[in-house]
Protein backbone atom coordinates (compact mmCIF):
# COMPACT_ATOMS: atom_id res chain seq x y z
CA UNK A 1 106.36 111.80 89.98
CA UNK A 2 108.30 109.39 87.78
CA UNK A 3 105.61 109.61 85.09
CA UNK A 4 106.41 113.29 84.52
CA UNK A 5 109.84 112.38 83.12
CA UNK A 6 109.34 110.17 80.06
CA UNK A 7 112.89 108.80 80.01
CA UNK A 8 112.98 107.96 83.72
CA UNK A 9 109.50 106.44 83.51
CA UNK A 10 110.50 104.39 80.47
CA UNK A 11 113.67 103.07 82.11
CA UNK A 12 111.80 102.29 85.30
CA UNK A 13 109.16 100.36 83.34
CA UNK A 14 111.69 98.36 81.31
CA UNK A 15 113.76 97.49 84.37
CA UNK A 16 110.60 96.43 86.16
CA UNK A 17 109.63 94.14 83.28
CA UNK A 18 113.12 92.68 82.77
CA UNK A 19 113.84 92.12 86.46
CA UNK A 20 110.42 90.96 87.52
CA UNK A 21 109.43 88.69 84.63
CA UNK A 22 110.68 85.44 86.12
CA UNK A 23 109.33 86.28 89.56
CA UNK A 24 105.78 86.21 88.28
CA UNK A 25 106.34 82.47 87.82
CA UNK A 26 108.40 81.97 90.97
CA UNK A 27 105.77 79.84 92.78
CA UNK A 28 105.94 77.39 89.88
CA UNK A 29 109.72 77.17 90.14
CA UNK A 30 109.55 76.79 93.93
CA UNK A 31 106.89 74.06 93.72
CA UNK A 32 109.03 72.21 91.16
CA UNK A 33 112.20 72.47 93.28
CA UNK A 34 110.44 71.55 96.53
CA UNK A 35 108.71 68.55 95.00
CA UNK A 36 112.02 67.32 93.60
CA UNK A 37 113.79 67.96 96.91
CA UNK A 38 111.22 65.94 98.89
CA UNK A 39 111.45 62.95 96.58
CA UNK A 40 108.47 63.49 94.29
CA UNK A 41 108.43 63.65 90.50
CA UNK A 42 109.42 67.20 89.50
CA UNK A 43 106.88 67.28 86.66
CA UNK A 44 104.10 67.02 89.23
CA UNK A 45 105.54 70.04 91.01
CA UNK A 46 105.36 71.93 87.71
CA UNK A 47 101.72 70.88 87.28
CA UNK A 48 100.81 72.15 90.74
CA UNK A 49 102.72 75.38 90.07
CA UNK A 50 100.69 75.87 86.89
CA UNK A 51 97.47 75.32 88.85
CA UNK A 52 98.57 77.94 91.39
CA UNK A 53 99.06 80.50 88.61
CA UNK A 54 96.15 79.48 86.39
CA UNK A 55 94.55 82.26 84.36
CA UNK A 56 91.16 80.94 85.45
CA UNK A 57 91.87 82.23 88.96
CA UNK A 58 91.56 85.85 90.08
CA UNK A 59 94.97 87.55 90.25
CA UNK A 60 96.14 87.50 93.89
CA UNK A 61 97.53 91.03 93.79
CA UNK A 62 94.31 92.47 92.37
CA UNK A 63 92.27 90.54 94.92
CA UNK A 64 94.43 91.83 97.79
CA UNK A 65 93.91 95.41 96.66
CA UNK A 66 90.18 94.92 96.18
CA UNK A 67 90.26 95.76 92.47
CA UNK A 68 89.01 92.38 91.23
CA UNK A 69 85.96 90.28 92.03
CA UNK A 70 86.64 86.88 93.59
CA UNK A 71 84.50 83.84 92.77
CA UNK A 72 83.69 81.60 95.74
CA UNK A 73 82.75 77.93 95.39
CA UNK A 74 81.21 75.74 98.08
CA UNK A 75 82.62 72.24 98.42
CA UNK A 76 81.16 70.05 101.19
CA UNK A 77 79.94 73.23 102.84
CA UNK A 78 83.39 74.85 102.79
CA UNK A 79 83.89 78.18 100.97
CA UNK A 80 86.68 77.97 98.40
CA UNK A 81 87.89 81.25 96.91
CA UNK A 82 89.26 81.01 93.38
CA UNK A 83 92.27 83.28 93.87
CA UNK A 84 95.68 82.67 92.35
CA UNK A 85 98.88 82.30 94.33
CA UNK A 86 101.12 84.86 92.62
CA UNK A 87 104.11 85.42 94.89
CA UNK A 88 102.91 82.68 97.25
CA UNK A 89 106.31 81.25 98.14
CA UNK A 90 105.23 79.74 101.45
CA UNK A 91 102.26 78.03 99.81
CA UNK A 92 104.48 76.78 96.98
CA UNK A 93 106.94 75.26 99.44
CA UNK A 94 104.16 73.54 101.35
CA UNK A 95 102.60 72.27 98.14
CA UNK A 96 105.94 70.89 96.96
CA UNK A 97 106.10 68.78 100.11
CA UNK A 98 102.42 67.75 99.90
CA UNK A 99 102.70 66.77 96.24
CA UNK A 100 105.88 64.77 96.79
CA UNK A 101 104.32 62.96 99.76
CA UNK A 102 101.18 62.11 97.81
CA UNK A 103 103.20 60.98 94.81
CA UNK A 104 105.21 58.53 96.90
CA UNK A 105 102.06 57.33 98.67
CA UNK A 106 100.09 56.59 95.49
CA UNK A 107 103.11 55.01 93.83
CA UNK A 108 103.11 52.44 96.60
CA UNK A 109 99.37 51.91 96.88
CA UNK A 110 98.15 51.92 93.26
CA UNK A 111 98.43 48.54 91.46
CA UNK A 112 101.26 48.44 88.97
CA UNK A 113 99.02 47.68 86.02
CA UNK A 114 97.31 51.09 86.25
CA UNK A 115 99.97 53.01 88.19
CA UNK A 116 101.39 54.97 85.24
CA UNK A 117 98.05 56.64 84.55
CA UNK A 118 96.22 56.65 87.88
CA UNK A 119 99.00 57.57 90.32
CA UNK A 120 99.88 61.01 88.86
CA UNK A 121 96.18 61.71 88.26
CA UNK A 122 95.30 61.03 91.90
CA UNK A 123 98.31 63.02 93.10
CA UNK A 124 97.31 66.03 91.05
CA UNK A 125 93.63 65.92 91.99
CA UNK A 126 94.22 65.49 95.73
CA UNK A 127 96.99 68.10 95.73
CA UNK A 128 94.76 70.61 93.95
CA UNK A 129 91.95 69.97 96.42
CA UNK A 130 94.29 70.46 99.37
CA UNK A 131 95.75 73.58 97.75
CA UNK A 132 92.42 75.39 97.72
CA UNK A 133 90.90 73.98 100.92
CA UNK A 134 93.79 73.57 103.39
CA UNK A 135 97.31 74.51 102.30
CA UNK A 136 96.44 77.73 100.45
CA UNK A 137 94.31 79.24 103.25
CA UNK A 138 96.89 78.11 105.83
CA UNK A 139 99.78 79.72 103.95
CA UNK A 140 97.83 82.90 103.34
CA UNK A 141 96.78 82.97 106.99
CA UNK A 142 100.37 82.77 108.16
CA UNK A 143 101.41 85.56 105.82
CA UNK A 144 98.41 87.75 106.64
CA UNK A 145 99.05 87.26 110.35
CA UNK A 146 102.61 88.47 109.94
CA UNK A 147 101.40 91.51 108.02
CA UNK A 148 98.78 92.38 110.64
CA UNK A 149 101.27 92.08 113.48
CA UNK A 150 103.74 94.37 111.70
CA UNK A 151 101.08 97.02 111.10
CA UNK A 152 99.93 96.86 114.71
CA UNK A 153 103.48 97.37 115.93
CA UNK A 154 103.96 100.53 113.86
CA UNK A 155 100.81 102.00 115.36
CA UNK A 156 101.44 101.03 118.98
CA UNK A 157 105.15 100.57 119.69
CA UNK A 158 106.69 103.80 118.41
CA UNK A 159 110.31 103.57 117.27
CA UNK A 160 110.44 99.86 118.10
CA UNK A 161 107.42 99.19 115.92
CA UNK A 162 108.89 101.17 113.03
CA UNK A 163 112.19 99.30 113.37
CA UNK A 164 110.52 95.89 113.41
CA UNK A 165 108.31 96.74 110.44
CA UNK A 166 111.20 98.02 108.31
CA UNK A 167 113.37 95.13 109.45
CA UNK A 168 110.80 92.45 108.59
CA UNK A 169 108.91 94.01 105.66
CA UNK A 170 111.05 92.31 103.05
CA UNK A 171 110.24 88.96 104.65
CA UNK A 172 106.63 89.66 103.67
CA UNK A 173 107.87 90.05 100.07
CA UNK A 174 109.00 86.43 100.24
CA UNK A 175 105.44 85.41 101.06
CA UNK A 176 104.08 87.44 98.14
CA UNK A 177 101.53 89.36 100.24
CA UNK A 178 103.38 92.69 100.27
CA UNK A 179 100.98 94.05 97.64
CA UNK A 180 98.28 94.27 100.29
CA UNK A 181 100.13 97.28 101.69
CA UNK A 182 98.95 99.30 98.69
CA UNK A 183 95.37 99.29 99.94
CA UNK A 184 96.52 100.25 103.44
CA UNK A 185 98.62 103.11 102.07
CA UNK A 186 95.66 104.41 100.09
CA UNK A 187 93.54 104.39 103.25
CA UNK A 188 96.25 106.22 105.20
CA UNK A 189 96.36 108.94 102.58
CA UNK A 190 92.59 109.24 102.56
CA UNK A 191 92.42 109.50 106.36
CA UNK A 192 95.51 111.58 107.19
CA UNK A 193 97.01 112.84 103.93
CA UNK A 194 100.33 111.23 104.90
CA UNK A 195 101.70 107.75 104.29
CA UNK A 196 104.33 106.60 106.78
CA UNK A 197 104.48 103.08 105.34
CA UNK A 198 106.04 104.19 102.05
CA UNK A 199 109.37 105.39 103.51
CA UNK A 200 109.45 102.38 105.84
CA UNK A 201 109.17 100.00 102.90
CA UNK A 202 111.66 102.09 100.95
CA UNK A 203 114.39 101.87 103.61
CA UNK A 204 113.68 98.14 103.93
CA UNK A 205 114.29 97.82 100.19
CA UNK A 206 117.50 99.85 100.02
CA UNK A 207 118.87 97.97 103.05
CA UNK A 208 118.64 94.74 101.07
CA UNK A 209 120.58 96.52 98.34
CA UNK A 210 123.23 97.39 100.91
CA UNK A 211 123.37 93.70 101.85
CA UNK A 212 123.94 92.81 98.20
CA UNK A 213 126.84 95.26 98.08
CA UNK A 214 128.25 93.76 101.27
CA UNK A 215 128.15 90.28 99.79
CA UNK A 216 129.67 91.60 96.57
CA UNK A 217 132.59 93.13 98.46
CA UNK A 218 133.27 89.86 100.26
CA UNK A 219 133.31 87.99 96.92
CA UNK A 220 134.48 90.74 94.59
CA UNK A 221 136.99 88.46 92.85
CA UNK A 222 134.30 86.00 91.72
CA UNK A 223 132.92 86.82 88.28
CA UNK A 224 129.60 85.00 88.76
CA UNK A 225 128.93 86.86 92.00
CA UNK A 226 129.52 90.19 90.27
CA UNK A 227 127.20 89.20 87.44
CA UNK A 228 124.41 88.48 89.93
CA UNK A 229 124.96 91.24 92.47
CA UNK A 230 125.41 94.27 90.22
CA UNK A 231 122.12 93.92 88.26
CA UNK A 232 120.32 93.01 91.50
CA UNK A 233 121.51 96.20 93.16
CA UNK A 234 120.49 98.33 90.19
CA UNK A 235 116.99 96.87 90.40
CA UNK A 236 116.87 97.74 94.11
CA UNK A 237 117.47 101.39 93.27
CA UNK A 238 114.14 101.37 91.45
CA UNK A 239 112.31 99.58 94.27
CA UNK A 240 112.52 96.03 92.89
CA UNK A 241 114.02 93.63 95.42
CA UNK A 242 113.04 90.19 94.10
CA UNK A 243 116.32 89.71 92.16
CA UNK A 244 118.31 90.74 95.24
CA UNK A 245 116.32 88.65 97.70
CA UNK A 246 115.90 85.45 95.72
CA UNK A 247 119.13 85.71 93.74
CA UNK A 248 121.51 86.64 96.55
CA UNK A 249 120.27 87.44 100.05
CA UNK A 250 117.89 84.57 100.74
CA UNK A 251 120.16 82.15 98.92
CA UNK A 252 123.13 82.92 101.19
CA UNK A 253 121.01 83.76 104.25
CA UNK A 254 123.29 86.10 106.16
CA UNK A 255 122.93 88.95 103.62
CA UNK A 256 119.15 88.77 104.21
CA UNK A 257 119.79 89.10 107.94
CA UNK A 258 122.15 92.02 107.38
CA UNK A 259 119.58 93.70 105.16
CA UNK A 260 116.87 93.28 107.79
CA UNK A 261 119.08 94.92 110.41
CA UNK A 262 119.84 97.80 108.04
CA UNK A 263 116.13 98.20 107.36
CA UNK A 264 115.42 98.36 111.10
CA UNK A 265 117.99 101.13 111.53
CA UNK A 266 116.43 103.06 108.66
CA UNK A 267 113.01 102.57 110.26
CA UNK A 268 114.21 104.24 113.45
CA UNK A 269 115.33 107.27 111.42
CA UNK A 270 111.94 107.39 109.70
CA UNK A 271 110.26 107.51 113.12
CA UNK A 272 112.61 110.07 114.66
CA UNK A 273 112.30 112.44 111.70
CA UNK A 274 108.52 111.91 111.31
CA UNK A 275 109.15 111.08 107.65
CA UNK A 276 106.15 110.26 105.47
CA UNK A 277 105.06 110.29 101.83
CA UNK A 278 102.21 112.10 100.10
CA UNK A 279 101.55 109.22 97.70
CA UNK A 280 102.41 105.58 97.14
CA UNK A 281 103.58 103.23 94.43
CA UNK A 282 107.25 104.16 94.06
CA UNK A 283 110.22 103.80 96.41
CA UNK A 284 113.98 104.38 96.71
CA UNK A 285 115.25 106.73 93.95
CA UNK A 286 111.90 107.47 92.25
CA UNK A 287 110.24 107.52 95.68
CA UNK A 288 111.95 110.72 96.77
CA UNK A 289 109.43 112.56 94.61
CA UNK A 290 106.70 111.34 96.99
CA UNK A 291 108.40 112.43 100.22
CA UNK A 292 106.48 114.98 102.28
CA UNK A 293 108.68 118.12 102.06
CA UNK A 294 107.57 119.34 105.50
CA UNK A 295 110.28 119.45 108.17
CA UNK A 296 113.15 118.87 105.71
CA UNK A 297 111.42 115.80 104.33
CA UNK A 298 113.70 115.38 101.31
CA UNK A 299 116.82 115.59 103.45
CA UNK A 300 115.38 113.15 105.97
CA UNK A 301 114.48 110.78 103.13
CA UNK A 302 118.10 110.75 101.97
CA UNK A 303 119.36 110.36 105.56
CA UNK A 304 117.08 107.41 106.32
CA UNK A 305 118.14 105.63 103.13
CA UNK A 306 121.82 106.33 103.77
CA UNK A 307 121.54 104.79 107.24
CA UNK A 308 119.64 101.77 105.89
CA UNK A 309 122.03 100.99 103.03
CA UNK A 310 125.07 101.52 105.27
CA UNK A 311 123.54 99.28 107.93
CA UNK A 312 122.75 96.53 105.44
CA UNK A 313 126.24 96.77 103.98
CA UNK A 314 128.15 96.78 107.28
CA UNK A 315 126.14 94.09 109.03
CA UNK A 316 126.40 91.82 106.01
CA UNK A 317 130.18 92.19 106.16
CA UNK A 318 130.17 91.49 109.90
CA UNK A 319 127.82 88.50 109.72
CA UNK A 320 129.64 87.11 106.72
CA UNK A 321 132.92 87.15 108.60
CA UNK A 322 131.51 84.75 111.18
CA UNK A 323 128.85 82.78 109.34
CA UNK A 324 130.84 81.95 106.21
CA UNK A 325 133.77 80.65 108.23
CA UNK A 326 131.65 78.65 110.70
CA UNK A 327 131.31 75.51 108.49
CA UNK A 328 135.04 75.54 107.81
CA UNK A 329 135.84 75.75 111.54
CA UNK A 330 133.40 72.92 112.26
CA UNK A 331 135.00 70.69 109.66
CA UNK A 332 138.49 71.44 111.01
CA UNK A 333 137.32 70.55 114.48
CA UNK A 334 136.26 67.14 113.25
């Protein structure tokens, strides 16, 4: 366990804090950017982002793991759960569009004499109501559905299911609902004593790191790219992918695709070697301490991660060769 080594545990904790600090407020930033992008006033996007992360709401991660009590209100007969939207990127994007649309609507409809005060007030109130009654449940439903489908595939489709789960798991991170896996892992350990999800998530993580390295190699002469990619990759080694995903892979798209392919390849190795963990909570480098040592478990752990990072790296290079040049070829054709 990482906790048994004070230095390693301390470094892991500090890196987690430094790399993950901004991502706790990511829904706010996404709501702001989306609202601005869709023509609304950015300040209203910030307000909605603050509502999504309000301290008066139950923490979404704690609620997903069942470690916090959730208060439920009843509005017009509809149950409204007071749960925050930490990590809720899909919900934040939807709310950015909703807020911008309402802002433009009320700016046109509210008389000019009271517009300055009433228009933003109405936008905020209606947006908040839609957040908790329609948009929030819809966004969570989409994310939960994806999670359920992935879990079903691992239990029913063998190597294909493992590959799809490891290939798509980091997409769940974008939705912010990946923390629900903790409860499922705990149940797996209680029922079987082995946790096959941990190595699957771990290879999915390291594959995104391989994608970051692939993008770095393609742009190794650019100082800004090196400044982003190197710290992002270091974070990946400790199981933290948000800097890599939101800073590099999702931003440039094809590295995310390359990472997903690498994760799928690693997932196949996890299935073929019957790799599992005897705990949960840590992945990648610290996670090797959790690998089940049966049947050369440590060696298989290293092999699965080597395949995943190599796959993410190589497929990012391959995809980049075609996808980065496509816009240039299109413009030349014109």
